[in-house]
Amino acid sequence: MDATAPHPAGPHRPAAGSPLAPPRLALALAAMVDIALHARPQPVSAKALAVRHALPPRHLEAVLQALVHHGLLKGLRGPHGGYELARERRRISAGDIARAVLAMGAREEGGESGGGESGGGSGTLADLVVAPLVAEAAGAYLAALDSVTVEDLCGRAEAAAVAGPRAGPDFTI
């Protein structure tokens, strides 16, 4: 790629699958929007989600369980079980979903502390200069995601004609 050519994802837009747009976050966002659009009158099964997103159910289950653990989804058992939103669409932000996915990744990497290689506060360049920059960027990234709700994403899906039939109004209180 030519060094002067813009990145294919755009100058300020991370490529899909980049560390700023991890595949699990994209999957979690898509699952939440799908559930918001299709969970009435019955919850959405993991199997139905997997079929609609062309994924093996095992890839989806860990993400769905993380969303349940963070109070974003309710898992319902039984023959007509599945998943539904735990709160109104307008009360769930993309940032909430990102935090659930990031916590899931932190647990898999061995804990939430993120004790890196720099020795934690040892006065190195990484600790004093780079870590604050990365923390500031992460905060801005999450703030941008916090400004978008599941309701907003449902509207975008409908406008792009990828939503399928809407399940009906969300009167959850």
Protein backbone atom coordinates (compact mmCIF):
# COMPACT_ATOMS: atom_id res chain seq x y z
CA MET A 1 0.00 0.00 0.00
CA ASP A 2 1.27 3.47 -0.90
CA ALA A 3 2.35 5.37 2.22
CA THR A 4 0.47 8.47 1.05
CA ALA A 5 -2.76 6.64 0.21
CA PRO A 6 -5.51 6.83 2.83
CA HIS A 7 -6.20 3.72 4.84
CA PRO A 8 -9.08 1.73 3.26
CA ALA A 9 -11.11 2.09 6.45
CA GLY A 10 -10.83 5.88 6.24
CA PRO A 11 -8.61 8.37 8.03
CA HIS A 12 -10.43 8.19 11.37
CA ARG A 13 -12.24 4.88 11.11
CA PRO A 14 -10.62 1.66 12.35
CA ALA A 15 -10.71 -1.34 10.05
CA ALA A 16 -13.11 -4.09 11.05
CA GLY A 17 -11.30 -6.55 13.28
CA SER A 18 -8.73 -3.97 14.44
CA PRO A 19 -8.02 -3.66 18.17
CA LEU A 20 -10.35 -0.63 18.24
CA ALA A 21 -13.13 -2.58 16.52
CA PRO A 22 -12.68 -6.16 17.78
CA PRO A 23 -14.82 -8.83 16.12
CA ARG A 24 -16.44 -9.71 19.46
CA LEU A 25 -17.65 -6.13 19.88
CA ALA A 26 -19.14 -6.14 16.38
CA LEU A 27 -20.79 -9.48 17.15
CA ALA A 28 -22.14 -8.24 20.50
CA LEU A 29 -23.53 -5.06 18.93
CA ALA A 30 -25.15 -7.03 16.11
CA ALA A 31 -26.63 -9.54 18.56
CA MET A 32 -28.07 -6.78 20.76
CA VAL A 33 -29.66 -5.02 17.79
CA ASP A 34 -30.98 -8.32 16.43
CA ILE A 35 -32.51 -9.18 19.81
CA ALA A 36 -33.98 -5.68 20.13
CA LEU A 37 -35.63 -6.07 16.74
CA HIS A 38 -36.80 -9.68 17.05
CA ALA A 39 -37.47 -10.48 20.74
CA ARG A 40 -41.22 -9.84 20.66
CA PRO A 41 -43.39 -11.79 21.30
CA GLN A 42 -40.85 -14.50 22.17
CA PRO A 43 -37.17 -14.30 23.17
CA VAL A 44 -34.56 -14.83 20.46
CA SER A 45 -32.76 -18.16 20.64
CA ALA A 46 -28.99 -18.39 20.29
CA LYS A 47 -29.61 -20.79 17.43
CA ALA A 48 -31.71 -18.21 15.53
CA LEU A 49 -29.05 -15.56 16.11
CA ALA A 50 -26.33 -17.92 14.91
CA VAL A 51 -28.27 -18.69 11.73
CA ARG A 52 -28.95 -15.00 10.98
CA HIS A 53 -25.30 -14.09 11.53
CA ALA A 54 -23.86 -17.24 9.90
CA LEU A 55 -21.94 -18.28 13.02
CA PRO A 56 -21.61 -21.50 14.98
CA PRO A 57 -23.64 -21.07 18.22
CA ARG A 58 -20.53 -21.66 20.36
CA HIS A 59 -19.02 -18.36 19.07
CA LEU A 60 -22.12 -16.54 20.17
CA GLU A 61 -22.78 -18.14 23.56
CA ALA A 62 -19.77 -16.63 25.36
CA VAL A 63 -20.67 -13.15 24.11
CA LEU A 64 -24.34 -13.58 25.06
CA GLN A 65 -23.39 -14.80 28.53
CA ALA A 66 -21.13 -11.77 29.03
CA LEU A 67 -24.04 -9.51 28.08
CA VAL A 68 -26.29 -11.35 30.57
CA HIS A 69 -23.60 -11.08 33.26
CA HIS A 70 -23.48 -7.29 32.73
CA GLY A 71 -27.25 -6.91 32.98
CA LEU A 72 -27.80 -6.04 29.33
CA LEU A 73 -29.65 -9.22 28.36
CA LYS A 74 -31.95 -11.61 30.17
CA GLY A 75 -31.53 -15.30 29.43
CA LEU A 76 -34.77 -17.27 29.59
CA ARG A 77 -34.71 -21.06 29.87
CA GLY A 78 -37.16 -23.58 28.56
CA PRO A 79 -38.56 -24.73 25.22
CA HIS A 80 -39.43 -21.16 24.22
CA GLY A 81 -36.39 -19.66 25.89
CA GLY A 82 -33.76 -17.40 24.49
CA TYR A 83 -32.60 -13.86 25.07
CA GLU A 84 -34.30 -10.51 25.43
CA LEU A 85 -33.09 -7.06 26.43
CA ALA A 86 -32.84 -6.51 30.17
CA ARG A 87 -33.58 -2.78 29.76
CA GLU A 88 -35.24 -0.52 27.23
CA ARG A 89 -33.35 -0.04 23.96
CA ARG A 90 -32.88 3.63 24.66
CA ARG A 91 -31.24 2.81 28.02
CA ILE A 92 -28.50 0.57 26.63
CA SER A 93 -25.55 2.27 24.96
CA ALA A 94 -22.97 0.82 22.62
CA GLY A 95 -20.49 1.77 25.37
CA ASP A 96 -22.29 -0.51 27.83
CA ILE A 97 -21.95 -3.35 25.33
CA ALA A 98 -18.27 -2.54 24.70
CA ARG A 99 -17.53 -2.61 28.43
CA ALA A 100 -19.11 -6.07 28.71
CA VAL A 101 -16.99 -7.34 25.81
CA LEU A 102 -13.83 -5.69 27.15
CA ALA A 103 -14.39 -7.23 30.59
CA MET A 104 -14.85 -10.60 28.91
CA GLY A 105 -11.49 -10.18 27.13
CA ALA A 106 -9.79 -9.07 30.35
CA ARG A 107 -11.03 -12.19 32.18
CA GLU A 108 -9.70 -14.40 29.38
CA GLU A 109 -6.32 -12.69 29.53
CA GLY A 110 -5.95 -13.47 33.21
CA GLY A 111 -7.65 -10.74 35.17
CA GLU A 112 -9.03 -7.25 35.06
CA SER A 113 -5.98 -5.52 36.50
CA GLY A 114 -4.13 -5.51 33.19
CA GLY A 115 -0.77 -5.71 34.99
CA GLY A 116 1.41 -5.05 31.98
CA GLU A 117 5.05 -5.65 31.30
CA SER A 118 6.16 -2.17 32.34
CA GLY A 119 6.12 -2.92 36.06
CA GLY A 120 3.20 -0.62 36.98
CA GLY A 121 4.32 2.85 37.98
CA SER A 122 8.06 2.28 37.71
CA GLY A 123 8.64 5.66 36.04
CA THR A 124 9.30 4.30 32.56
CA LEU A 125 8.42 6.06 29.32
CA ALA A 126 5.61 3.54 28.85
CA ASP A 127 4.16 4.32 32.30
CA LEU A 128 4.52 8.08 32.23
CA VAL A 129 3.82 8.94 28.60
CA VAL A 130 2.28 6.09 26.65
CA ALA A 131 -0.13 4.66 29.26
CA PRO A 132 -1.88 8.02 29.88
CA LEU A 133 -2.25 8.54 26.13
CA VAL A 134 -3.78 5.10 25.68
CA ALA A 135 -6.09 5.62 28.68
CA GLU A 136 -7.23 8.97 27.27
CA ALA A 137 -7.88 7.43 23.85
CA ALA A 138 -9.82 4.53 25.42
CA GLY A 139 -11.92 7.02 27.36
CA ALA A 140 -12.72 8.99 24.19
CA TYR A 141 -13.57 5.76 22.35
CA LEU A 142 -15.99 4.66 25.08
CA ALA A 143 -17.48 8.17 25.31
CA ALA A 144 -18.23 8.06 21.58
CA LEU A 145 -19.87 4.63 21.99
CA ASP A 146 -21.81 5.91 25.01
CA SER A 147 -23.50 8.46 22.76
CA VAL A 148 -25.13 5.73 20.64
CA THR A 149 -28.00 3.62 21.98
CA VAL A 150 -29.38 0.29 20.86
CA GLU A 151 -32.46 2.27 19.77
CA ASP A 152 -30.22 4.39 17.50
CA LEU A 153 -28.67 1.23 16.03
CA CYS A 154 -32.13 -0.27 15.43
CA GLY A 155 -33.04 2.87 13.50
CA ARG A 156 -29.87 2.59 11.43
CA ALA A 157 -30.61 -1.09 10.71
CA GLU A 158 -34.13 -0.22 9.57
CA ALA A 159 -32.88 2.68 7.42
CA ALA A 160 -30.33 0.38 5.79
CA ALA A 161 -33.10 -2.21 5.22
CA VAL A 162 -31.14 -4.92 7.03
CA ALA A 163 -33.38 -5.16 10.08
CA GLY A 164 -36.09 -7.48 8.84
CA PRO A 165 -39.56 -7.01 10.25
CA ARG A 166 -39.58 -5.11 13.53
CA ALA A 167 -41.07 -6.96 16.46
CA GLY A 168 -43.15 -4.01 17.59
CA PRO A 169 -42.88 -1.15 20.04
CA ASP A 170 -40.71 -1.55 23.12
CA PHE A 171 -42.82 -0.74 26.16
CA THR A 172 -40.43 -2.29 28.69
CA ILE A 173 -40.21 -0.25 31.88
